[in-house]
């Protein structure tokens, strides 16, 4: 039933208009039919009153009962009696005579037991009553008391009244049906024309909803045409356009801020590479001094060299992210993912000998179009992440598969899993699951953000599913 309900405002307004008009037409038609039926019935009662009981009195044949299907008595008084007039005489509640006026004279009527009961039930109050006889259909009858204690009934057929009422019903149905059809078409056109500004607002809102507003420069569509501000639709269009103006200003400021931040990160990373390299070089040179150095100095120089190396790696990662954010194109060439996975797993086994490393590769090589160096970095970061954040003895499985159009790379481990509060922002920059160990492991929380940025630059996606005893990173890249 829900599918039959109108969904648009235009359809609901048109349907509501038609329902109201149909109810109005039905009320007018019903009132007209009832009024006409009452008017014609009252006129029939007046005719019965004017006709009196002459015809019923003339039916008395010395008290003999009527004879079915024989002509009436030649003394029956049919003067000023219309064809179809019915007359009956009752004595002590029993019908003694009953006849009807025909064009050829009078005709006795054969009554059933039920008909006799209905005639006997007509009150002798001189008022019209509707009675249905099986032999004569529906009649309007008046019963009066005769001079000798009998009851005289005179009736006229209701068929002309019913025919007039039925004709009115037919004419009203045709007229009202045509009116409803015309009103439906005209109403739909009128509602559509009236709601045209609102439809334009809805179309503009739909186009805005399809725009990616999360990042980058956004070009909003043209404003919705405004109509009379005194109407509801005009006020909605005006408010919507003002809202779009505020949104456009906010997006412009956000984009400008992002551009300034990217420029700052790129410039700062670029400028820091030289002094960081210089600090690391001087520390390593000092450690190569031939003369004896105090243990404290040696330890300090070693820490300077280690921290400068870590800072250099962080600067390189930030510079890479800044370039990816700026949309700098990557190299596009065929890349053998199978070879990259083999090399990355070999390196991981060398640095993480305490873990168990397994590999699941398809029989045929998997090739994608992309930047081999950056894809190698994605694999290295995922395997390094599995090694650094799981205890020794953890099993890490690397699976590579393809469906012919998309390559899927999965890195699964059976470690403790990633905390639930960390998972929503695991691919954001500087996200750290355990801040207390990052300085020792050399991580800065940029590895997974680089994975997400590189995969996105290749038109792919990376997802995470993690729980106690099972963590899986899935990378999908098209054009396999």
Protein backbone atom coordinates (compact mmCIF):
# COMPACT_ATOMS: atom_id res chain seq x y z
CA UNK A 1 0.00 0.00 0.00
CA UNK A 2 2.87 2.40 0.65
CA UNK A 3 3.95 2.21 -3.00
CA UNK A 4 0.54 3.64 -4.03
CA UNK A 5 0.94 6.73 -1.89
CA UNK A 6 2.15 9.88 -3.68
CA UNK A 7 5.74 10.74 -2.77
CA UNK A 8 6.13 14.22 -4.22
CA UNK A 9 4.59 17.39 -2.85
CA UNK A 10 3.13 18.12 -6.29
CA UNK A 11 1.36 14.75 -6.38
CA UNK A 12 0.06 15.13 -2.82
CA UNK A 13 -1.31 18.61 -3.50
CA UNK A 14 -2.98 17.47 -6.73
CA UNK A 15 -4.44 14.40 -5.02
CA UNK A 16 -5.66 16.51 -2.11
CA UNK A 17 -7.33 18.94 -4.52
CA UNK A 18 -9.06 16.07 -6.32
CA UNK A 19 -10.18 14.46 -3.05
CA UNK A 20 -11.67 17.73 -1.80
CA UNK A 21 -13.40 18.31 -5.13
CA UNK A 22 -14.69 14.72 -5.21
CA UNK A 23 -16.07 15.06 -1.68
CA UNK A 24 -17.71 18.37 -2.64
CA UNK A 25 -19.21 16.87 -5.81
CA UNK A 26 -20.46 13.84 -3.88
CA UNK A 27 -22.05 16.07 -1.23
CA UNK A 28 -23.72 18.26 -3.87
CA UNK A 29 -24.91 15.22 -5.83
CA UNK A 30 -26.23 13.47 -2.74
CA UNK A 31 -28.03 16.61 -1.59
CA UNK A 32 -29.56 17.08 -5.06
CA UNK A 33 -30.72 13.46 -5.27
CA UNK A 34 -32.21 13.50 -1.78
CA UNK A 35 -33.92 16.83 -2.40
CA UNK A 36 -35.30 15.76 -5.78
CA UNK A 37 -36.55 12.46 -4.39
CA UNK A 38 -38.24 14.24 -1.50
CA UNK A 39 -39.75 16.88 -3.79
CA UNK A 40 -41.15 14.38 -6.29
CA UNK A 41 -42.45 12.15 -3.51
CA UNK A 42 -44.25 15.08 -1.89
CA UNK A 43 -45.77 16.01 -5.24
CA UNK A 44 -46.93 12.42 -5.61
CA UNK A 45 -48.50 12.62 -2.15
CA UNK A 46 -50.35 15.77 -3.23
CA UNK A 47 -51.69 13.97 -6.30
CA UNK A 48 -52.87 11.11 -4.13
CA UNK A 49 -54.60 13.53 -1.82
CA UNK A 50 -56.33 15.25 -4.74
CA UNK A 51 -57.39 11.89 -6.23
CA UNK A 52 -58.98 10.93 -2.95
CA UNK A 53 -60.48 7.48 -2.39
CA UNK A 54 -63.08 7.47 -5.19
CA UNK A 55 -61.35 4.68 -7.07
CA UNK A 56 -60.96 2.52 -3.95
CA UNK A 57 -64.65 3.06 -2.98
CA UNK A 58 -65.82 2.05 -6.46
CA UNK A 59 -64.07 -1.31 -6.09
CA UNK A 60 -66.63 -2.57 -3.61
CA UNK A 61 -68.59 -5.36 -5.33
CA UNK A 62 -71.11 -6.26 -2.75
CA UNK A 63 -68.27 -7.31 -0.45
CA UNK A 64 -67.04 -10.02 -2.81
CA UNK A 65 -63.27 -10.60 -2.89
CA UNK A 66 -61.29 -9.68 -5.95
CA UNK A 67 -60.77 -12.19 -8.75
CA UNK A 68 -57.27 -12.58 -10.05
CA UNK A 69 -56.42 -11.78 -13.65
CA UNK A 70 -59.97 -10.67 -14.65
CA UNK A 71 -61.20 -7.31 -15.70
CA UNK A 72 -62.52 -5.09 -12.97
CA UNK A 73 -66.13 -4.17 -12.50
CA UNK A 74 -67.55 -1.92 -15.09
CA UNK A 75 -68.80 0.35 -12.28
CA UNK A 76 -65.22 1.13 -11.05
CA UNK A 77 -64.79 4.92 -10.99
CA UNK A 78 -61.65 5.74 -13.02
CA UNK A 79 -62.49 9.35 -13.64
CA UNK A 80 -59.44 11.65 -13.31
CA UNK A 81 -57.37 8.62 -12.35
CA UNK A 82 -53.95 8.32 -13.94
CA UNK A 83 -52.81 5.08 -15.52
CA UNK A 84 -51.16 2.89 -12.90
CA UNK A 85 -53.33 4.16 -10.02
CA UNK A 86 -53.85 1.42 -7.44
CA UNK A 87 -56.87 0.97 -5.24
CA UNK A 88 -57.65 -1.49 -2.48
CA UNK A 89 -60.38 -1.99 0.14
CA UNK A 90 -59.73 -3.65 3.49
CA UNK A 91 -62.36 -4.89 5.93
CA UNK A 92 -61.16 -5.87 9.39
CA UNK A 93 -57.55 -5.87 8.13
CA UNK A 94 -58.34 -8.18 5.21
CA UNK A 95 -58.05 -7.12 1.59
CA UNK A 96 -61.40 -7.61 -0.11
CA UNK A 97 -60.71 -5.84 -3.39
CA UNK A 98 -57.58 -4.62 -5.21
CA UNK A 99 -57.24 -3.26 -8.73
CA UNK A 100 -55.06 -1.00 -10.84
CA UNK A 101 -56.01 1.43 -13.59
CA UNK A 102 -54.78 0.48 -17.02
CA UNK A 103 -55.17 2.20 -20.36
CA UNK A 104 -57.86 -0.35 -21.27
CA UNK A 105 -59.75 -0.08 -17.99
CA UNK A 106 -59.29 -1.56 -14.57
CA UNK A 107 -57.50 -4.79 -13.79
CA UNK A 108 -57.79 -6.82 -10.65
CA UNK A 109 -54.43 -7.47 -8.98
CA UNK A 110 -53.35 -10.86 -7.72
CA UNK A 111 -51.79 -10.30 -4.30
CA UNK A 112 -49.56 -12.63 -2.40
CA UNK A 113 -49.87 -13.22 1.31
CA UNK A 114 -46.88 -10.93 1.88
CA UNK A 115 -48.51 -8.21 -0.23
CA UNK A 116 -51.70 -8.47 1.84
CA UNK A 117 -49.69 -8.07 5.06
CA UNK A 118 -47.94 -4.99 3.69
CA UNK A 119 -51.27 -3.41 2.69
CA UNK A 120 -52.77 -4.21 6.07
CA UNK A 121 -49.80 -2.56 7.76
CA UNK A 122 -50.33 0.81 6.03
CA UNK A 123 -51.63 3.20 8.72
CA UNK A 124 -54.91 4.97 7.94
CA UNK A 125 -53.56 8.43 8.74
CA UNK A 126 -54.10 10.10 5.38
CA UNK A 127 -50.35 10.44 4.82
CA UNK A 128 -48.23 8.93 2.06
CA UNK A 129 -46.29 5.73 2.68
CA UNK A 130 -43.99 3.76 0.35
CA UNK A 131 -45.02 0.13 -0.09
CA UNK A 132 -43.38 -2.51 -2.25
CA UNK A 133 -45.73 -5.02 -3.89
CA UNK A 134 -44.39 -8.09 -5.64
CA UNK A 135 -46.90 -7.72 -8.47
CA UNK A 136 -46.63 -3.93 -8.93
CA UNK A 137 -43.15 -2.97 -7.65
CA UNK A 138 -42.93 0.14 -5.43
CA UNK A 139 -45.97 2.34 -4.81
CA UNK A 140 -46.78 5.46 -2.83
CA UNK A 141 -50.01 4.82 -0.94
CA UNK A 142 -52.48 6.70 1.26
CA UNK A 143 -54.91 4.87 3.51
CA UNK A 144 -58.14 6.47 4.80
CA UNK A 145 -61.11 5.11 6.70
CA UNK A 146 -64.42 4.68 4.86
CA UNK A 147 -67.89 5.49 6.12
CA UNK A 148 -68.76 1.87 6.87
CA UNK A 149 -65.60 1.15 8.92
CA UNK A 150 -63.50 -0.21 6.06
CA UNK A 151 -60.05 1.08 5.03
CA UNK A 152 -59.60 2.50 1.54
CA UNK A 153 -56.09 2.58 0.03
CA UNK A 154 -55.13 4.60 -3.00
CA UNK A 155 -51.64 4.40 -4.49
CA UNK A 156 -49.58 5.66 -7.40
CA UNK A 157 -46.39 4.08 -8.77
CA UNK A 158 -42.99 5.38 -7.63
CA UNK A 159 -41.36 4.37 -10.90
CA UNK A 160 -41.48 7.93 -12.41
CA UNK A 161 -39.87 9.28 -9.24
CA UNK A 162 -37.15 6.58 -9.32
CA UNK A 163 -36.58 7.17 -13.04
CA UNK A 164 -36.13 10.91 -12.51
CA UNK A 165 -33.78 10.33 -9.57
CA UNK A 166 -31.74 7.76 -11.52
CA UNK A 167 -31.48 10.14 -14.46
CA UNK A 168 -30.24 12.86 -12.15
CA UNK A 169 -27.68 10.43 -10.70
CA UNK A 170 -26.46 9.53 -14.19
CA UNK A 171 -26.21 13.14 -15.32
CA UNK A 172 -24.50 14.16 -12.06
CA UNK A 173 -22.02 11.28 -12.36
CA UNK A 174 -21.11 12.24 -15.93
CA UNK A 175 -20.85 15.95 -15.16
CA UNK A 176 -18.91 15.46 -11.94
CA UNK A 177 -16.61 12.88 -13.59
CA UNK A 178 -15.81 15.29 -16.41
CA UNK A 179 -15.32 18.07 -13.86
CA UNK A 180 -12.95 15.94 -11.79
CA UNK A 181 -10.95 14.97 -14.88
CA UNK A 182 -10.66 18.56 -16.05
CA UNK A 183 -9.87 19.75 -12.53
CA UNK A 184 -7.22 17.04 -12.14
CA UNK A 185 -5.43 18.05 -15.35
CA UNK A 186 -5.75 21.77 -14.69
CA UNK A 187 -4.82 21.33 -11.02
CA UNK A 188 -1.72 19.28 -11.86
CA UNK A 189 -0.58 21.95 -14.33
CA UNK A 190 -1.32 24.73 -11.87
CA UNK A 191 0.47 23.01 -8.96
CA UNK A 192 3.43 22.21 -11.20
CA UNK A 193 3.67 25.82 -12.33
CA UNK A 194 3.30 27.09 -8.76
CA UNK A 195 5.98 24.74 -7.40
CA UNK A 196 8.42 25.28 -10.26
CA UNK A 197 10.71 27.52 -8.13
CA UNK A 198 10.72 24.86 -5.41
CA UNK A 199 11.65 22.19 -7.99
CA UNK A 200 14.60 24.33 -9.03
CA UNK A 201 15.68 24.63 -5.40
CA UNK A 202 15.46 20.83 -5.06
CA UNK A 203 17.49 20.32 -8.24
CA UNK A 204 20.17 22.71 -6.99
CA UNK A 205 20.23 20.99 -3.59
CA UNK A 206 20.64 17.61 -5.31
CA UNK A 207 23.62 18.87 -7.30
CA UNK A 208 25.19 20.30 -4.13
CA UNK A 209 24.66 17.00 -2.27
CA UNK A 210 26.60 15.16 -4.99
CA UNK A 211 29.69 17.38 -4.64
CA UNK A 212 32.72 16.16 -2.63
CA UNK A 213 32.93 18.80 0.08
CA UNK A 214 35.43 17.10 2.38
CA UNK A 215 38.58 18.46 0.75
CA UNK A 216 39.91 20.32 -2.24
CA UNK A 217 38.48 23.24 -4.11
CA UNK A 218 34.72 23.04 -4.58
CA UNK A 219 32.76 24.88 -7.27
CA UNK A 220 29.16 25.20 -6.16
CA UNK A 221 26.43 25.17 -8.85
CA UNK A 222 24.53 28.36 -9.79
CA UNK A 223 22.06 29.63 -7.23
CA UNK A 224 18.42 28.60 -7.40
CA UNK A 225 16.21 31.19 -9.15
CA UNK A 226 14.41 33.29 -6.59
CA UNK A 227 10.71 34.08 -6.85
CA UNK A 228 8.39 36.40 -4.97
CA UNK A 229 9.90 36.75 -1.46
CA UNK A 230 6.42 37.26 -0.04
CA UNK A 231 5.53 33.62 -0.72
CA UNK A 232 6.70 30.50 1.08
CA UNK A 233 8.54 29.15 -1.95
CA UNK A 234 10.30 32.48 -2.48
CA UNK A 235 11.41 32.57 1.14
CA UNK A 236 12.72 29.00 0.90
CA UNK A 237 14.66 29.83 -2.28
CA UNK A 238 16.10 32.98 -0.74
CA UNK A 239 17.14 31.22 2.47
CA UNK A 240 18.67 28.35 0.48
CA UNK A 241 20.71 30.73 -1.69
CA UNK A 242 21.96 32.58 1.39
CA UNK A 243 22.94 29.26 2.94
CA UNK A 244 24.84 28.34 -0.25
CA UNK A 245 26.64 31.65 -0.06
CA UNK A 246 27.75 30.94 3.51
CA UNK A 247 28.81 27.41 2.56
CA UNK A 248 30.78 28.71 -0.40
CA UNK A 249 32.56 31.27 1.79
CA UNK A 250 33.39 28.58 4.37
CA UNK A 251 34.66 26.18 1.69
CA UNK A 252 36.77 28.90 0.10
CA UNK A 253 38.36 29.76 3.44
CA UNK A 254 38.86 26.08 4.23
CA UNK A 255 40.52 25.46 0.88
CA UNK A 256 42.76 28.50 1.31
CA UNK A 257 43.73 27.30 4.79
CA UNK A 258 44.49 23.81 3.45
CA UNK A 259 46.61 25.25 0.68
CA UNK A 260 48.56 27.39 3.15
CA UNK A 261 49.05 24.38 5.41
CA UNK A 262 50.22 22.18 2.54
CA UNK A 263 52.56 24.88 1.33
CA UNK A 264 53.94 25.34 4.83
CA UNK A 265 54.42 21.60 5.33
CA UNK A 266 56.12 21.22 1.97
CA UNK A 267 58.37 24.25 2.45
CA UNK A 268 59.22 23.34 6.04
CA UNK A 269 59.97 19.73 5.12
CA UNK A 270 62.10 20.81 2.19
CA UNK A 271 64.02 23.36 4.26
CA UNK A 272 64.55 20.94 7.15
CA UNK A 273 66.12 18.24 5.04
CA UNK A 274 69.47 20.05 4.74
CA UNK A 275 70.00 21.01 8.42
CA UNK A 276 68.85 17.60 9.62
CA UNK A 277 71.26 15.90 7.24
CA UNK A 278 73.98 18.28 8.41
CA UNK A 279 73.35 17.48 12.07
CA UNK A 280 73.41 13.76 11.36
CA UNK A 281 76.63 14.13 9.35
CA UNK A 282 78.41 16.11 12.06
CA UNK A 283 77.36 13.61 14.73
CA UNK A 284 78.63 10.68 12.67
CA UNK A 285 81.86 12.58 11.94
CA UNK A 286 82.38 13.27 15.64
CA UNK A 287 81.91 9.59 16.41
CA UNK A 288 84.71 8.82 13.94
CA UNK A 289 87.21 11.02 15.88
CA UNK A 290 90.38 8.93 16.48
CA UNK A 291 90.99 10.27 19.94
CA UNK A 292 89.34 8.92 23.10
CA UNK A 293 85.94 10.45 24.01
CA UNK A 294 84.23 10.36 27.38
CA UNK A 295 81.37 7.79 27.50
CA UNK A 296 78.83 10.57 28.08
CA UNK A 297 79.92 12.39 24.92
CA UNK A 298 79.84 9.18 22.88
CA UNK A 299 76.33 8.40 24.13
CA UNK A 300 75.15 11.93 23.37
CA UNK A 301 76.58 11.79 19.85
CA UNK A 302 74.94 8.44 19.23
CA UNK A 303 71.56 9.80 20.37
CA UNK A 304 72.00 12.88 18.17
CA UNK A 305 72.73 10.67 15.17
CA UNK A 306 69.74 8.40 15.91
CA UNK A 307 67.30 11.24 16.47
CA UNK A 308 68.51 13.14 13.41
CA UNK A 309 68.01 9.97 11.35
CA UNK A 310 64.49 9.62 12.75
CA UNK A 311 63.80 13.30 12.09
CA UNK A 312 65.09 12.96 8.54
CA UNK A 313 62.71 10.07 7.88
CA UNK A 314 59.83 12.10 9.35
CA UNK A 315 60.71 15.08 7.16
CA UNK A 316 60.75 12.84 4.08
CA UNK A 317 57.34 11.42 5.00
CA UNK A 318 55.85 14.88 5.53
CA UNK A 319 57.26 16.08 2.23
CA UNK A 320 55.75 13.05 0.48
CA UNK A 321 52.33 13.68 2.05
CA UNK A 322 52.48 17.35 1.10
CA UNK A 323 53.22 16.42 -2.51
CA UNK A 324 50.41 13.88 -2.59
CA UNK A 325 47.99 16.41 -1.08
CA UNK A 326 48.99 18.90 -3.75
CA UNK A 327 47.95 16.36 -6.38
CA UNK A 328 51.41 15.89 -7.83
CA UNK A 329 51.08 13.06 -10.39
CA UNK A 330 52.77 9.74 -9.68
CA UNK A 331 54.61 7.61 -12.18
CA UNK A 332 52.27 5.48 -14.31
CA UNK A 333 53.87 2.28 -15.53
CA UNK A 334 53.19 -1.48 -15.32
CA UNK A 335 54.16 -2.76 -11.87
CA UNK A 336 54.62 -6.43 -10.97
CA UNK A 337 52.92 -6.59 -7.56
CA UNK A 338 54.01 -10.20 -7.11
CA UNK A 339 57.69 -9.19 -7.26
CA UNK A 340 57.10 -6.26 -4.88
CA UNK A 341 55.40 -8.54 -2.36
CA UNK A 342 58.26 -11.07 -2.50
CA UNK A 343 60.90 -8.36 -1.97
CA UNK A 344 58.95 -6.70 0.85
CA UNK A 345 58.41 -9.99 2.68
CA UNK A 346 62.11 -10.86 2.34
CA UNK A 347 63.03 -7.54 3.98
CA UNK A 348 60.42 -8.08 6.71
CA UNK A 349 61.83 -11.52 7.56
CA UNK A 350 65.30 -10.03 7.87
CA UNK A 351 64.21 -7.28 10.28
CA UNK A 352 61.50 -9.25 12.12
CA UNK A 353 63.00 -12.68 12.67
CA UNK A 354 60.89 -13.12 15.82
CA UNK A 355 57.68 -13.20 13.77
CA UNK A 356 56.29 -15.94 11.56
CA UNK A 357 55.86 -14.70 8.00
CA UNK A 358 53.66 -16.51 5.46
CA UNK A 359 52.85 -15.74 1.84
CA UNK A 360 49.85 -16.64 -0.34
CA UNK A 361 50.31 -15.73 -4.02
CA UNK A 362 48.36 -16.67 -7.16
CA UNK A 363 50.03 -18.81 -9.81
CA UNK A 364 50.19 -16.01 -12.38
CA UNK A 365 51.91 -12.67 -11.74
CA UNK A 366 49.63 -9.77 -10.77
CA UNK A 367 50.36 -6.53 -12.62
CA UNK A 368 48.89 -3.07 -12.03
CA UNK A 369 49.56 0.38 -13.43
CA UNK A 370 51.18 2.73 -10.94
CA UNK A 371 54.33 3.97 -9.23
CA UNK A 372 56.53 1.00 -8.25
CA UNK A 373 58.54 2.96 -5.67
CA UNK A 374 55.44 4.26 -3.88
CA UNK A 375 53.69 0.88 -3.96
CA UNK A 376 56.85 -0.65 -2.48
CA UNK A 377 56.59 1.94 0.29
CA UNK A 378 52.96 0.90 0.93
CA UNK A 379 54.01 -2.74 1.38
CA UNK A 380 56.97 -1.81 3.59
CA UNK A 381 54.80 0.38 5.85
CA UNK A 382 52.09 -2.29 6.26
CA UNK A 383 54.61 -5.02 7.11
CA UNK A 384 56.55 -2.70 9.41
CA UNK A 385 53.30 -1.78 11.15
CA UNK A 386 52.52 -5.48 11.71
CA UNK A 387 56.02 -6.12 13.04
CA UNK A 388 56.24 -3.13 15.39
CA UNK A 389 52.78 -3.45 16.95
CA UNK A 390 52.62 -7.19 17.58
CA UNK A 391 54.66 -9.32 19.99
CA UNK A 392 57.30 -11.84 18.91
CA UNK A 393 55.84 -15.10 17.62
CA UNK A 394 52.90 -13.38 15.89
CA UNK A 395 51.91 -14.92 12.57
CA UNK A 396 51.73 -12.41 9.69
CA UNK A 397 50.16 -13.57 6.40
CA UNK A 398 50.41 -11.62 3.15
CA UNK A 399 47.80 -12.56 0.53
CA UNK A 400 47.71 -11.30 -3.06
CA UNK A 401 44.80 -12.05 -5.41
CA UNK A 402 43.01 -10.57 -8.39
CA UNK A 403 39.67 -10.86 -10.14
CA UNK A 404 41.05 -9.69 -13.48
CA UNK A 405 40.26 -5.99 -12.99
CA UNK A 406 41.19 -5.29 -9.36
CA UNK A 407 44.21 -6.45 -7.36
CA UNK A 408 43.63 -7.15 -3.68
CA UNK A 409 46.49 -7.21 -1.15
CA UNK A 410 45.79 -8.34 2.42
CA UNK A 411 48.16 -8.18 5.41
CA UNK A 412 46.75 -10.23 8.28
CA UNK A 413 48.19 -10.88 11.72
CA UNK A 414 46.91 -12.76 14.78
CA UNK A 415 48.23 -10.21 17.25
CA UNK A 416 46.28 -8.41 19.99
CA UNK A 417 44.49 -6.12 17.52
CA UNK A 418 44.07 -2.35 17.30
CA UNK A 419 42.10 -0.66 20.10
CA UNK A 420 38.57 0.27 19.08
CA UNK A 421 38.99 3.97 19.88
CA UNK A 422 42.01 4.13 17.53
CA UNK A 423 40.46 2.37 14.53
CA UNK A 424 38.29 5.28 13.17
CA UNK A 425 41.37 7.52 12.81
CA UNK A 426 44.02 4.89 12.14
CA UNK A 427 44.81 6.35 8.69
CA UNK A 428 45.06 9.92 9.97
CA UNK A 429 48.44 11.58 10.47
CA UNK A 430 50.30 11.23 13.77
CA UNK A 431 47.87 8.56 15.02
CA UNK A 432 49.70 6.47 17.61
CA UNK A 433 48.35 3.34 19.28
CA UNK A 434 51.02 3.45 22.01
CA UNK A 435 52.74 6.80 22.43
CA UNK A 436 55.16 5.44 25.00
CA UNK A 437 57.00 3.25 22.49
CA UNK A 438 57.13 5.48 19.44
CA UNK A 439 60.38 7.15 20.34
CA UNK A 440 62.09 3.81 20.73
CA UNK A 441 60.71 2.28 17.54
CA UNK A 442 61.28 5.39 15.49
CA UNK A 443 57.67 5.77 14.37
CA UNK A 444 55.87 9.10 14.08
CA UNK A 445 52.35 7.94 13.23
CA UNK A 446 52.73 8.71 9.52
CA UNK A 447 53.12 5.21 8.07
CA UNK A 448 49.45 4.33 7.61
CA UNK A 449 48.56 7.86 6.48
CA UNK A 450 51.18 7.47 3.72
CA UNK A 451 49.62 4.10 2.82
CA UNK A 452 46.16 5.69 2.50
CA UNK A 453 47.46 8.68 0.52
CA UNK A 454 49.49 6.57 -1.95
CA UNK A 455 46.66 4.07 -2.48
CA UNK A 456 44.16 6.90 -3.00
CA UNK A 457 46.53 8.53 -5.50
CA UNK A 458 46.41 5.24 -7.43
CA UNK A 459 42.59 5.34 -7.45
CA UNK A 460 42.32 2.50 -4.93
CA UNK A 461 41.15 2.04 -1.35
CA UNK A 462 42.48 0.65 1.91
CA UNK A 463 40.33 -0.73 4.74
CA UNK A 464 40.89 -2.14 8.21
CA UNK A 465 39.19 -4.96 10.10
CA UNK A 466 40.57 -5.56 13.58
CA UNK A 467 39.68 -7.38 16.73
CA UNK A 468 41.44 -9.43 19.40
CA UNK A 469 43.52 -12.07 17.63
CA UNK A 470 42.83 -10.82 14.09
CA UNK A 471 43.83 -7.66 12.23
CA UNK A 472 43.57 -7.32 8.45
CA UNK A 473 44.59 -4.42 6.22
CA UNK A 474 43.11 -4.74 2.68
CA UNK A 475 44.46 -2.70 -0.23
CA UNK A 476 42.53 -2.70 -3.52
CA UNK A 477 43.97 -1.21 -6.69
CA UNK A 478 42.24 -1.30 -10.06
CA UNK A 479 43.57 -1.92 -13.58
CA UNK A 480 44.99 -5.30 -12.58
